[in-house]
Amino acid sequence: MPYDVVIVGGGPAGLAAALAFGRARKRVLLCDAGPRRNAAAKHVQNFVTRDGTPPAEFRQIARDQLAQYPSVELSSSPVESIAGARGSFRVGLPASNLEARRILLCTGMIDEMLPIEGFRELWGGAIFQCPYCHGWEVRERRWAYLARGVEGLHFVFQLRGWTRDVVLFTGGGFDMPSESQAELRQAKIRLETQAIARLTSKDGTLENVVLADGSTVACDALFAHPPQQQVQLVRDLNLALESDGLVRVDPMTRETSIPGVYAAGDLTTRMQSATMAAALGVQAAAMINHELTRELAIEGLL
């Protein structure tokens, strides 16, 4: 008997989707075997009722709640392949092959560490992507943002809401338009255009950003948006992608370019947070459930 849905990925998006499917009485398999994207993070923040919860505890609470829904199964086996078509997908696991009517991808993204000495070691502890997730804990301290292009300059201005001490680094990677320089001065944001040589730290705490000429900028928190790539399974599916590499989905249904394959969470949006991922997981589950229920009822399978 095929599963109604196989969910690939057990982060906030996959867990929230599984809960919605369980409450809708759909037979679902949630496969969660990949590395945790937020493995370096100590807490889930800005998630109502779960603010400050350690990620492992967050996942365990979700799994405990899913256990009361008999139609939801959890697996630690990785999904190695997906083939077939809407209504009849073949899902390859290491020791077995399954059938599913629909697929929901909640695989997240892979962050590529920038080639700066000290960057990898501080990632998730003193280097962050989202001020809503990590800003409160380091408010009114020395912040910096490493921009990778002019298109990212809008981000640095919002940091002033958490602290008055903000530095913008370009890393020597692009020229700053004169009008943008004027706006930075008006917002009291310092501009540093040199390449970054390395980051210095003590006991996992960022201390200084060392520039190419050897000068240093004292810093407590660095925000950055390094390049990202999709996991291998998503790349193998050859889904249509946006120009920035995110999976292209219908904004309402979350369906991808392959009929019957849906996607939710960080692999589809730059608004990447646990709260947003969970919301998109519920949205995708609701749309899939609506379609599936109609289909199964017409076929006399309900």
C-alpha atoms as a PDB file:
ATOM      1  CA  MET A   1       0.000   0.000   0.000  1.00  0.00           C
ATOM      2  CA  PRO A   2       1.581   3.321  -0.996  1.00  0.00           C
ATOM      3  CA  TYR A   3       2.106   6.154   1.431  1.00  0.00           C
ATOM      4  CA  ASP A   4      -0.007   9.186   0.789  1.00  0.00           C
ATOM      5  CA  VAL A   5       3.058  11.379   1.264  1.00  0.00           C
ATOM      6  CA  VAL A   6       6.752  10.858   1.882  1.00  0.00           C
ATOM      7  CA  ILE A   7       8.342  13.867   3.589  1.00  0.00           C
ATOM      8  CA  VAL A   8      12.080  14.255   3.115  1.00  0.00           C
ATOM      9  CA  GLY A   9      13.648  16.180   5.984  1.00  0.00           C
ATOM     10  CA  GLY A  10      12.715  16.411   9.656  1.00  0.00           C
ATOM     11  CA  GLY A  11      13.389  20.027  10.550  1.00  0.00           C
ATOM     12  CA  PRO A  12      10.625  22.503  11.460  1.00  0.00           C
ATOM     13  CA  ALA A  13       9.070  22.371   7.970  1.00  0.00           C
ATOM     14  CA  GLY A  14       8.918  18.584   7.802  1.00  0.00           C
ATOM     15  CA  LEU A  15       7.750  18.171  11.382  1.00  0.00           C
ATOM     16  CA  ALA A  16       4.994  20.775  11.012  1.00  0.00           C
ATOM     17  CA  ALA A  17       3.843  19.200   7.759  1.00  0.00           C
ATOM     18  CA  ALA A  18       3.775  15.734   9.341  1.00  0.00           C
ATOM     19  CA  LEU A  19       1.600  17.056  12.169  1.00  0.00           C
ATOM     20  CA  ALA A  20      -0.871  18.559   9.709  1.00  0.00           C
ATOM     21  CA  PHE A  21      -1.004  15.328   7.716  1.00  0.00           C
ATOM     22  CA  GLY A  22      -1.446  13.256  10.871  1.00  0.00           C
ATOM     23  CA  ARG A  23      -4.398  15.351  11.969  1.00  0.00           C
ATOM     24  CA  ALA A  24      -5.835  14.984   8.463  1.00  0.00           C
ATOM     25  CA  ARG A  25      -5.552  11.168   8.721  1.00  0.00           C
ATOM     26  CA  LYS A  26      -3.107  10.780   5.850  1.00  0.00           C
ATOM     27  CA  ARG A  27      -0.570   7.963   5.795  1.00  0.00           C
ATOM     28  CA  VAL A  28       2.805   9.674   5.931  1.00  0.00           C
ATOM     29  CA  LEU A  29       6.441   8.669   6.216  1.00  0.00           C
ATOM     30  CA  LEU A  30       8.858  11.304   7.502  1.00  0.00           C
ATOM     31  CA  CYS A  31      12.474  10.495   6.594  1.00  0.00           C
ATOM     32  CA  ASP A  32      15.008  12.425   8.659  1.00  0.00           C
ATOM     33  CA  ALA A  33      18.597  11.324   8.163  1.00  0.00           C
ATOM     34  CA  GLY A  34      20.563  14.334   6.973  1.00  0.00           C
ATOM     35  CA  PRO A  35      22.903  16.540   9.005  1.00  0.00           C
ATOM     36  CA  ARG A  36      21.259  19.323  11.008  1.00  0.00           C
ATOM     37  CA  ARG A  37      21.681  22.691   9.352  1.00  0.00           C
ATOM     38  CA  ASN A  38      21.315  24.400  12.740  1.00  0.00           C
ATOM     39  CA  ALA A  39      23.699  21.986  14.482  1.00  0.00           C
ATOM     40  CA  ALA A  40      25.850  24.859  15.755  1.00  0.00           C
ATOM     41  CA  ALA A  41      22.896  26.792  17.176  1.00  0.00           C
ATOM     42  CA  LYS A  42      22.270  26.417  20.889  1.00  0.00           C
ATOM     43  CA  HIS A  43      18.627  27.536  20.891  1.00  0.00           C
ATOM     44  CA  VAL A  44      15.602  27.980  18.652  1.00  0.00           C
ATOM     45  CA  GLN A  45      14.598  31.621  18.957  1.00  0.00           C
ATOM     46  CA  ASN A  46      11.663  33.766  17.845  1.00  0.00           C
ATOM     47  CA  PHE A  47       9.319  30.744  17.765  1.00  0.00           C
ATOM     48  CA  VAL A  48       6.262  31.435  19.882  1.00  0.00           C
ATOM     49  CA  THR A  49       5.961  29.001  22.861  1.00  0.00           C
ATOM     50  CA  ARG A  50       9.411  27.586  22.035  1.00  0.00           C
ATOM     51  CA  ASP A  51      11.622  30.677  22.348  1.00  0.00           C
ATOM     52  CA  GLY A  52      14.998  29.593  23.719  1.00  0.00           C
ATOM     53  CA  THR A  53      14.420  25.843  23.281  1.00  0.00           C
ATOM     54  CA  PRO A  54      17.520  23.790  22.354  1.00  0.00           C
ATOM     55  CA  PRO A  55      17.115  22.365  18.805  1.00  0.00           C
ATOM     56  CA  ALA A  56      17.359  18.741  19.965  1.00  0.00           C
ATOM     57  CA  GLU A  57      14.635  19.335  22.547  1.00  0.00           C
ATOM     58  CA  PHE A  58      12.490  21.106  19.947  1.00  0.00           C
ATOM     59  CA  ARG A  59      12.698  18.080  17.652  1.00  0.00           C
ATOM     60  CA  GLN A  60      11.999  15.630  20.461  1.00  0.00           C
ATOM     61  CA  ILE A  61       8.886  17.527  21.557  1.00  0.00           C
ATOM     62  CA  ALA A  62       7.645  17.479  17.969  1.00  0.00           C
ATOM     63  CA  ARG A  63       8.344  13.759  17.608  1.00  0.00           C
ATOM     64  CA  ASP A  64       6.587  13.002  20.896  1.00  0.00           C
ATOM     65  CA  GLN A  65       3.523  14.882  19.685  1.00  0.00           C
ATOM     66  CA  LEU A  66       3.566  13.081  16.330  1.00  0.00           C
ATOM     67  CA  ALA A  67       3.566   9.724  18.133  1.00  0.00           C
ATOM     68  CA  GLN A  68      -0.138  10.079  18.981  1.00  0.00           C
ATOM     69  CA  TYR A  69      -1.071  10.039  15.279  1.00  0.00           C
ATOM     70  CA  PRO A  70      -0.983   6.411  14.072  1.00  0.00           C
ATOM     71  CA  SER A  71      -0.847   7.344  10.388  1.00  0.00           C
ATOM     72  CA  VAL A  72       2.508   9.133  10.795  1.00  0.00           C
ATOM     73  CA  GLU A  73       5.704   7.060  10.652  1.00  0.00           C
ATOM     74  CA  LEU A  74       9.245   8.302  11.310  1.00  0.00           C
ATOM     75  CA  SER A  75      12.370   6.881   9.721  1.00  0.00           C
ATOM     76  CA  SER A  76      16.071   7.605  10.157  1.00  0.00           C
ATOM     77  CA  SER A  77      16.838   6.192   6.713  1.00  0.00           C
ATOM     78  CA  PRO A  78      18.014   8.640   4.052  1.00  0.00           C
ATOM     79  CA  VAL A  79      16.049   9.004   0.832  1.00  0.00           C
ATOM     80  CA  GLU A  80      18.518   8.144  -1.928  1.00  0.00           C
ATOM     81  CA  SER A  81      16.322   8.515  -4.997  1.00  0.00           C
ATOM     82  CA  ILE A  82      12.900   9.597  -6.180  1.00  0.00           C
ATOM     83  CA  ALA A  83      11.404   8.491  -9.497  1.00  0.00           C
ATOM     84  CA  GLY A  84       7.997   8.039 -11.074  1.00  0.00           C
ATOM     85  CA  ALA A  85       5.143  10.476 -11.432  1.00  0.00           C
ATOM     86  CA  ARG A  86       2.287  12.097  -9.524  1.00  0.00           C
ATOM     87  CA  GLY A  87       0.261   9.402  -7.789  1.00  0.00           C
ATOM     88  CA  SER A  88       2.951   6.753  -8.170  1.00  0.00           C
ATOM     89  CA  PHE A  89       6.404   7.798  -6.994  1.00  0.00           C
ATOM     90  CA  ARG A  90       9.139   5.302  -6.206  1.00  0.00           C
ATOM     91  CA  VAL A  91      11.232   6.305  -3.220  1.00  0.00           C
ATOM     92  CA  GLY A  92      14.572   4.573  -2.789  1.00  0.00           C
ATOM     93  CA  LEU A  93      15.915   3.981   0.724  1.00  0.00           C
ATOM     94  CA  PRO A  94      19.146   2.094   1.508  1.00  0.00           C
ATOM     95  CA  ALA A  95      17.360  -1.161   2.335  1.00  0.00           C
ATOM     96  CA  SER A  96      14.012  -0.845   0.570  1.00  0.00           C
ATOM     97  CA  ASN A  97      11.905   0.892  -2.047  1.00  0.00           C
ATOM     98  CA  LEU A  98       8.597   2.555  -1.213  1.00  0.00           C
ATOM     99  CA  GLU A  99       5.689   3.991  -3.131  1.00  0.00           C
ATOM    100  CA  ALA A 100       4.096   7.359  -2.469  1.00  0.00           C
ATOM    101  CA  ARG A 101       1.338   9.400  -4.059  1.00  0.00           C
ATOM    102  CA  ARG A 102       3.065  12.694  -3.271  1.00  0.00           C
ATOM    103  CA  ILE A 103       6.514  13.920  -2.216  1.00  0.00           C
ATOM    104  CA  LEU A 104       7.233  16.860   0.075  1.00  0.00           C
ATOM    105  CA  LEU A 105      10.829  18.090   0.147  1.00  0.00           C
ATOM    106  CA  CYS A 106      11.872  19.801   3.395  1.00  0.00           C
ATOM    107  CA  THR A 107      15.599  19.267   3.019  1.00  0.00           C
ATOM    108  CA  GLY A 108      16.834  22.732   3.929  1.00  0.00           C
ATOM    109  CA  MET A 109      20.015  24.109   2.373  1.00  0.00           C
ATOM    110  CA  ILE A 110      23.763  23.544   2.648  1.00  0.00           C
ATOM    111  CA  ASP A 111      25.686  26.631   3.735  1.00  0.00           C
ATOM    112  CA  GLU A 112      29.102  26.994   2.083  1.00  0.00           C
ATOM    113  CA  MET A 113      31.626  28.359   4.561  1.00  0.00           C
ATOM    114  CA  LEU A 114      33.465  31.462   3.374  1.00  0.00           C
ATOM    115  CA  PRO A 115      37.243  31.026   2.863  1.00  0.00           C
ATOM    116  CA  ILE A 116      38.149  33.248   5.800  1.00  0.00           C
ATOM    117  CA  GLU A 117      40.311  31.903   8.607  1.00  0.00           C
ATOM    118  CA  GLY A 118      38.141  31.399  11.681  1.00  0.00           C
ATOM    119  CA  PHE A 119      34.816  31.617   9.835  1.00  0.00           C
ATOM    120  CA  ARG A 120      33.859  27.945  10.079  1.00  0.00           C
ATOM    121  CA  GLU A 121      34.770  27.713  13.750  1.00  0.00           C
ATOM    122  CA  LEU A 122      32.576  30.683  14.673  1.00  0.00           C
ATOM    123  CA  TRP A 123      29.629  29.826  12.421  1.00  0.00           C
ATOM    124  CA  GLY A 124      26.435  29.592  14.468  1.00  0.00           C
ATOM    125  CA  GLY A 125      28.137  30.758  17.651  1.00  0.00           C
ATOM    126  CA  ALA A 126      29.251  34.284  16.776  1.00  0.00           C
ATOM    127  CA  ILE A 127      28.493  34.422  13.044  1.00  0.00           C
ATOM    128  CA  PHE A 128      24.789  34.525  12.249  1.00  0.00           C
ATOM    129  CA  GLN A 129      22.400  34.968   9.352  1.00  0.00           C
ATOM    130  CA  CYS A 130      19.274  36.261  11.077  1.00  0.00           C
ATOM    131  CA  PRO A 131      19.033  39.037  13.703  1.00  0.00           C
ATOM    132  CA  TYR A 132      15.506  37.926  14.610  1.00  0.00           C
ATOM    133  CA  CYS A 133      16.936  34.547  15.608  1.00  0.00           C
ATOM    134  CA  HIS A 134      20.104  35.730  17.365  1.00  0.00           C
ATOM    135  CA  GLY A 135      20.041  39.511  17.777  1.00  0.00           C
ATOM    136  CA  TRP A 136      18.415  39.857  21.188  1.00  0.00           C
ATOM    137  CA  GLU A 137      21.138  37.888  22.963  1.00  0.00           C
ATOM    138  CA  VAL A 138      23.885  40.220  21.663  1.00  0.00           C
ATOM    139  CA  ARG A 139      21.922  43.477  21.583  1.00  0.00           C
ATOM    140  CA  GLU A 140      23.797  46.764  22.072  1.00  0.00           C
ATOM    141  CA  ARG A 141      27.150  45.148  21.372  1.00  0.00           C
ATOM    142  CA  ARG A 142      29.599  45.545  18.479  1.00  0.00           C
ATOM    143  CA  TRP A 143      28.053  44.155  15.302  1.00  0.00           C
ATOM    144  CA  ALA A 144      29.196  43.808  11.719  1.00  0.00           C
ATOM    145  CA  TYR A 145      27.777  42.613   8.424  1.00  0.00           C
ATOM    146  CA  LEU A 146      29.825  41.091   5.610  1.00  0.00           C
ATOM    147  CA  ALA A 147      28.039  41.938   2.358  1.00  0.00           C
ATOM    148  CA  ARG A 148      28.726  39.923  -0.788  1.00  0.00           C
ATOM    149  CA  GLY A 149      27.298  42.513  -3.192  1.00  0.00           C
ATOM    150  CA  VAL A 150      25.379  45.755  -3.521  1.00  0.00           C
ATOM    151  CA  GLU A 151      22.103  43.837  -3.554  1.00  0.00           C
ATOM    152  CA  GLY A 152      22.653  42.888   0.100  1.00  0.00           C
ATOM    153  CA  LEU A 153      23.144  46.397   1.445  1.00  0.00           C
ATOM    154  CA  HIS A 154      19.526  46.753   2.545  1.00  0.00           C
ATOM    155  CA  PHE A 155      20.179  44.130   5.228  1.00  0.00           C
ATOM    156  CA  VAL A 156      22.714  46.140   7.186  1.00  0.00           C
ATOM    157  CA  PHE A 157      20.343  49.013   7.979  1.00  0.00           C
ATOM    158  CA  GLN A 158      17.977  46.839  10.003  1.00  0.00           C
ATOM    159  CA  LEU A 159      20.829  45.858  12.321  1.00  0.00           C
ATOM    160  CA  ARG A 160      20.728  49.369  13.759  1.00  0.00           C
ATOM    161  CA  GLY A 161      17.509  48.384  15.499  1.00  0.00           C
ATOM    162  CA  TRP A 162      19.477  46.088  17.814  1.00  0.00           C
ATOM    163  CA  THR A 163      22.648  48.100  18.319  1.00  0.00           C
ATOM    164  CA  ARG A 164      24.138  51.526  17.637  1.00  0.00           C
ATOM    165  CA  ASP A 165      27.559  50.044  16.790  1.00  0.00           C
ATOM    166  CA  VAL A 166      27.446  48.548  13.271  1.00  0.00           C
ATOM    167  CA  VAL A 167      30.224  48.097  10.712  1.00  0.00           C
ATOM    168  CA  LEU A 168      29.665  47.092   7.095  1.00  0.00           C
ATOM    169  CA  PHE A 169      32.436  45.047   5.462  1.00  0.00           C
ATOM    170  CA  THR A 170      32.571  44.658   1.686  1.00  0.00           C
ATOM    171  CA  GLY A 171      35.573  42.343   1.852  1.00  0.00           C
ATOM    172  CA  GLY A 172      37.028  44.154  -1.138  1.00  0.00           C
ATOM    173  CA  GLY A 173      34.539  42.321  -3.307  1.00  0.00           C
ATOM    174  CA  PHE A 174      32.623  45.201  -4.893  1.00  0.00           C
ATOM    175  CA  ASP A 175      32.521  48.976  -5.239  1.00  0.00           C
ATOM    176  CA  MET A 176      30.171  50.921  -3.017  1.00  0.00           C
ATOM    177  CA  PRO A 177      27.923  53.437  -4.864  1.00  0.00           C
ATOM    178  CA  SER A 178      28.324  57.004  -3.619  1.00  0.00           C
ATOM    179  CA  GLU A 179      24.624  57.279  -2.735  1.00  0.00           C
ATOM    180  CA  SER A 180      24.890  54.138  -0.597  1.00  0.00           C
ATOM    181  CA  GLN A 181      27.932  55.547   1.175  1.00  0.00           C
ATOM    182  CA  ALA A 182      25.939  58.666   2.001  1.00  0.00           C
ATOM    183  CA  GLU A 183      23.081  56.596   3.428  1.00  0.00           C
ATOM    184  CA  LEU A 184      25.509  54.608   5.568  1.00  0.00           C
ATOM    185  CA  ARG A 185      26.979  57.795   7.005  1.00  0.00           C
ATOM    186  CA  GLN A 186      23.516  59.126   7.781  1.00  0.00           C
ATOM    187  CA  ALA A 187      22.625  55.869   9.531  1.00  0.00           C
ATOM    188  CA  LYS A 188      25.922  56.000  11.483  1.00  0.00           C
ATOM    189  CA  ILE A 189      27.134  52.721   9.973  1.00  0.00           C
ATOM    190  CA  ARG A 190      30.896  52.492   9.511  1.00  0.00           C
ATOM    191  CA  LEU A 191      32.183  51.243   6.148  1.00  0.00           C
ATOM    192  CA  GLU A 192      35.268  49.042   5.715  1.00  0.00           C
ATOM    193  CA  THR A 193      36.153  48.095   2.130  1.00  0.00           C
ATOM    194  CA  GLN A 194      39.327  46.077   2.652  1.00  0.00           C
ATOM    195  CA  ALA A 195      39.493  42.319   2.265  1.00  0.00           C
ATOM    196  CA  ILE A 196      39.186  40.353   5.504  1.00  0.00           C
ATOM    197  CA  ALA A 197      42.297  38.356   6.361  1.00  0.00           C
ATOM    198  CA  ARG A 198      40.988  36.391   9.348  1.00  0.00           C
ATOM    199  CA  LEU A 199      38.775  36.402  12.421  1.00  0.00           C
ATOM    200  CA  THR A 200      40.226  36.168  15.902  1.00  0.00           C
ATOM    201  CA  SER A 201      38.374  34.609  18.791  1.00  0.00           C
ATOM    202  CA  LYS A 202      38.711  33.394  22.340  1.00  0.00           C
ATOM    203  CA  ASP A 203      36.774  30.433  23.758  1.00  0.00           C
ATOM    204  CA  GLY A 204      34.393  30.531  20.797  1.00  0.00           C
ATOM    205  CA  THR A 205      33.716  34.255  21.164  1.00  0.00           C
ATOM    206  CA  LEU A 206      34.524  36.585  18.273  1.00  0.00           C
ATOM    207  CA  GLU A 207      36.956  39.349  19.224  1.00  0.00           C
ATOM    208  CA  ASN A 208      38.323  41.018  16.087  1.00  0.00           C
ATOM    209  CA  VAL A 209      38.025  41.150  12.333  1.00  0.00           C
ATOM    210  CA  VAL A 210      41.546  41.411  10.942  1.00  0.00           C
ATOM    211  CA  LEU A 211      41.814  43.304   7.641  1.00  0.00           C
ATOM    212  CA  ALA A 212      44.265  42.823   4.798  1.00  0.00           C
ATOM    213  CA  ASP A 213      46.568  45.607   6.006  1.00  0.00           C
ATOM    214  CA  GLY A 214      46.775  44.057   9.482  1.00  0.00           C
ATOM    215  CA  SER A 215      44.440  46.536  11.181  1.00  0.00           C
ATOM    216  CA  THR A 216      41.657  45.169  13.372  1.00  0.00           C
ATOM    217  CA  VAL A 217      38.033  45.986  13.986  1.00  0.00           C
ATOM    218  CA  ALA A 218      36.642  44.893  17.343  1.00  0.00           C
ATOM    219  CA  CYS A 219      33.502  42.838  16.849  1.00  0.00           C
ATOM    220  CA  ASP A 220      31.190  40.702  18.994  1.00  0.00           C
ATOM    221  CA  ALA A 221      28.752  39.441  16.344  1.00  0.00           C
ATOM    222  CA  LEU A 222      29.199  39.094  12.598  1.00  0.00           C
ATOM    223  CA  PHE A 223      26.252  38.625  10.251  1.00  0.00           C
ATOM    224  CA  ALA A 224      26.822  37.024   6.868  1.00  0.00           C
ATOM    225  CA  HIS A 225      24.942  35.219   4.122  1.00  0.00           C
ATOM    226  CA  PRO A 226      27.364  32.746   2.545  1.00  0.00           C
ATOM    227  CA  PRO A 227      26.504  30.931  -0.688  1.00  0.00           C
ATOM    228  CA  GLN A 228      24.101  28.024  -0.377  1.00  0.00           C
ATOM    229  CA  GLN A 229      23.488  24.881  -2.382  1.00  0.00           C
ATOM    230  CA  GLN A 230      20.751  22.300  -2.525  1.00  0.00           C
ATOM    231  CA  VAL A 231      21.294  18.806  -1.125  1.00  0.00           C
ATOM    232  CA  GLN A 232      22.258  16.107  -3.614  1.00  0.00           C
ATOM    233  CA  LEU A 233      18.778  14.570  -3.753  1.00  0.00           C
ATOM    234  CA  VAL A 234      17.241  17.875  -4.843  1.00  0.00           C
ATOM    235  CA  ARG A 235      20.000  18.414  -7.410  1.00  0.00           C
ATOM    236  CA  ASP A 236      19.398  14.930  -8.817  1.00  0.00           C
ATOM    237  CA  LEU A 237      15.716  15.729  -9.390  1.00  0.00           C
ATOM    238  CA  ASN A 238      16.626  18.581 -11.770  1.00  0.00           C
ATOM    239  CA  LEU A 239      13.882  20.799 -10.416  1.00  0.00           C
ATOM    240  CA  ALA A 240      13.468  24.289 -11.800  1.00  0.00           C
ATOM    241  CA  LEU A 241      15.384  26.761  -9.652  1.00  0.00           C
ATOM    242  CA  GLU A 242      15.229  30.493  -9.134  1.00  0.00           C
ATOM    243  CA  SER A 243      18.212  32.621 -10.158  1.00  0.00           C
ATOM    244  CA  ASP A 244      19.596  32.408  -6.609  1.00  0.00           C
ATOM    245  CA  GLY A 245      19.420  28.600  -6.554  1.00  0.00           C
ATOM    246  CA  LEU A 246      16.251  28.222  -4.495  1.00  0.00           C
ATOM    247  CA  VAL A 247      13.657  25.691  -5.609  1.00  0.00           C
ATOM    248  CA  ARG A 248      10.933  27.337  -7.656  1.00  0.00           C
ATOM    249  CA  VAL A 249       7.479  26.604  -6.258  1.00  0.00           C
ATOM    250  CA  ASP A 250       3.947  27.770  -6.839  1.00  0.00           C
ATOM    251  CA  PRO A 251       3.469  30.390  -4.099  1.00  0.00           C
ATOM    252  CA  MET A 252       0.085  28.982  -3.110  1.00  0.00           C
ATOM    253  CA  THR A 253       0.423  25.215  -3.468  1.00  0.00           C
ATOM    254  CA  ARG A 254       4.212  24.891  -2.963  1.00  0.00           C
ATOM    255  CA  GLU A 255       4.330  22.491  -5.930  1.00  0.00           C
ATOM    256  CA  THR A 256       7.625  22.345  -7.811  1.00  0.00           C
ATOM    257  CA  SER A 257       8.242  21.983 -11.547  1.00  0.00           C
ATOM    258  CA  ILE A 258       7.663  18.224 -11.178  1.00  0.00           C
ATOM    259  CA  PRO A 259       3.938  17.542 -10.715  1.00  0.00           C
ATOM    260  CA  GLY A 260       3.303  15.853  -7.386  1.00  0.00           C
ATOM    261  CA  VAL A 261       6.598  16.978  -5.847  1.00  0.00           C
ATOM    262  CA  TYR A 262       6.275  19.850  -3.379  1.00  0.00           C
ATOM    263  CA  ALA A 263       8.832  21.807  -1.370  1.00  0.00           C
ATOM    264  CA  ALA A 264       8.696  23.845   1.822  1.00  0.00           C
ATOM    265  CA  GLY A 265      11.148  25.531   4.133  1.00  0.00           C
ATOM    266  CA  ASP A 266      14.608  26.961   3.605  1.00  0.00           C
ATOM    267  CA  LEU A 267      15.195  25.364   0.201  1.00  0.00           C
ATOM    268  CA  THR A 268      12.486  27.620  -1.252  1.00  0.00           C
ATOM    269  CA  THR A 269      13.028  31.033   0.387  1.00  0.00           C
ATOM    270  CA  ARG A 270      15.652  33.476   1.654  1.00  0.00           C
ATOM    271  CA  MET A 271      13.408  34.176   4.652  1.00  0.00           C
ATOM    272  CA  GLN A 272      15.040  31.302   6.488  1.00  0.00           C
ATOM    273  CA  SER A 273      13.981  30.690  10.071  1.00  0.00           C
ATOM    274  CA  ALA A 274      12.339  27.941  12.086  1.00  0.00           C
ATOM    275  CA  THR A 275       9.076  29.876  12.284  1.00  0.00           C
ATOM    276  CA  MET A 276       8.898  30.531   8.546  1.00  0.00           C
ATOM    277  CA  ALA A 277       9.871  26.951   7.695  1.00  0.00           C
ATOM    278  CA  ALA A 278       7.152  25.532   9.938  1.00  0.00           C
ATOM    279  CA  ALA A 279       4.550  27.852   8.415  1.00  0.00           C
ATOM    280  CA  LEU A 280       5.493  26.831   4.881  1.00  0.00           C
ATOM    281  CA  GLY A 281       5.400  23.175   5.897  1.00  0.00           C
ATOM    282  CA  VAL A 282       1.815  23.550   7.117  1.00  0.00           C
ATOM    283  CA  GLN A 283       0.862  25.435   3.958  1.00  0.00           C
ATOM    284  CA  ALA A 284       2.271  22.703   1.733  1.00  0.00           C
ATOM    285  CA  ALA A 285       0.592  19.966   3.770  1.00  0.00           C
ATOM    286  CA  ALA A 286      -2.792  21.684   3.576  1.00  0.00           C
ATOM    287  CA  MET A 287      -2.564  22.075  -0.198  1.00  0.00           C
ATOM    288  CA  ILE A 288      -1.429  18.485  -0.706  1.00  0.00           C
ATOM    289  CA  ASN A 289      -4.115  17.159   1.614  1.00  0.00           C
ATOM    290  CA  HIS A 290      -6.836  19.100  -0.205  1.00  0.00           C
ATOM    291  CA  GLU A 291      -5.783  17.657  -3.542  1.00  0.00           C
ATOM    292  CA  LEU A 292      -5.227  14.135  -2.253  1.00  0.00           C
ATOM    293  CA  THR A 293      -8.511  13.900  -0.392  1.00  0.00           C
ATOM    294  CA  ARG A 294     -10.481  14.876  -3.487  1.00  0.00           C
ATOM    295  CA  GLU A 295      -8.520  12.406  -5.572  1.00  0.00           C
ATOM    296  CA  LEU A 296      -8.899   9.503  -3.129  1.00  0.00           C
ATOM    297  CA  ALA A 297     -12.611  10.182  -2.614  1.00  0.00           C
ATOM    298  CA  ILE A 298     -13.290  10.157  -6.361  1.00  0.00           C
ATOM    299  CA  GLU A 299     -11.338   6.894  -6.709  1.00  0.00           C
ATOM    300  CA  GLY A 300     -13.389   5.340  -3.900  1.00  0.00           C
ATOM    301  CA  LEU A 301     -10.341   4.873  -1.670  1.00  0.00           C
ATOM    302  CA  LEU A 302     -11.772   6.768   1.322  1.00  0.00           C
END
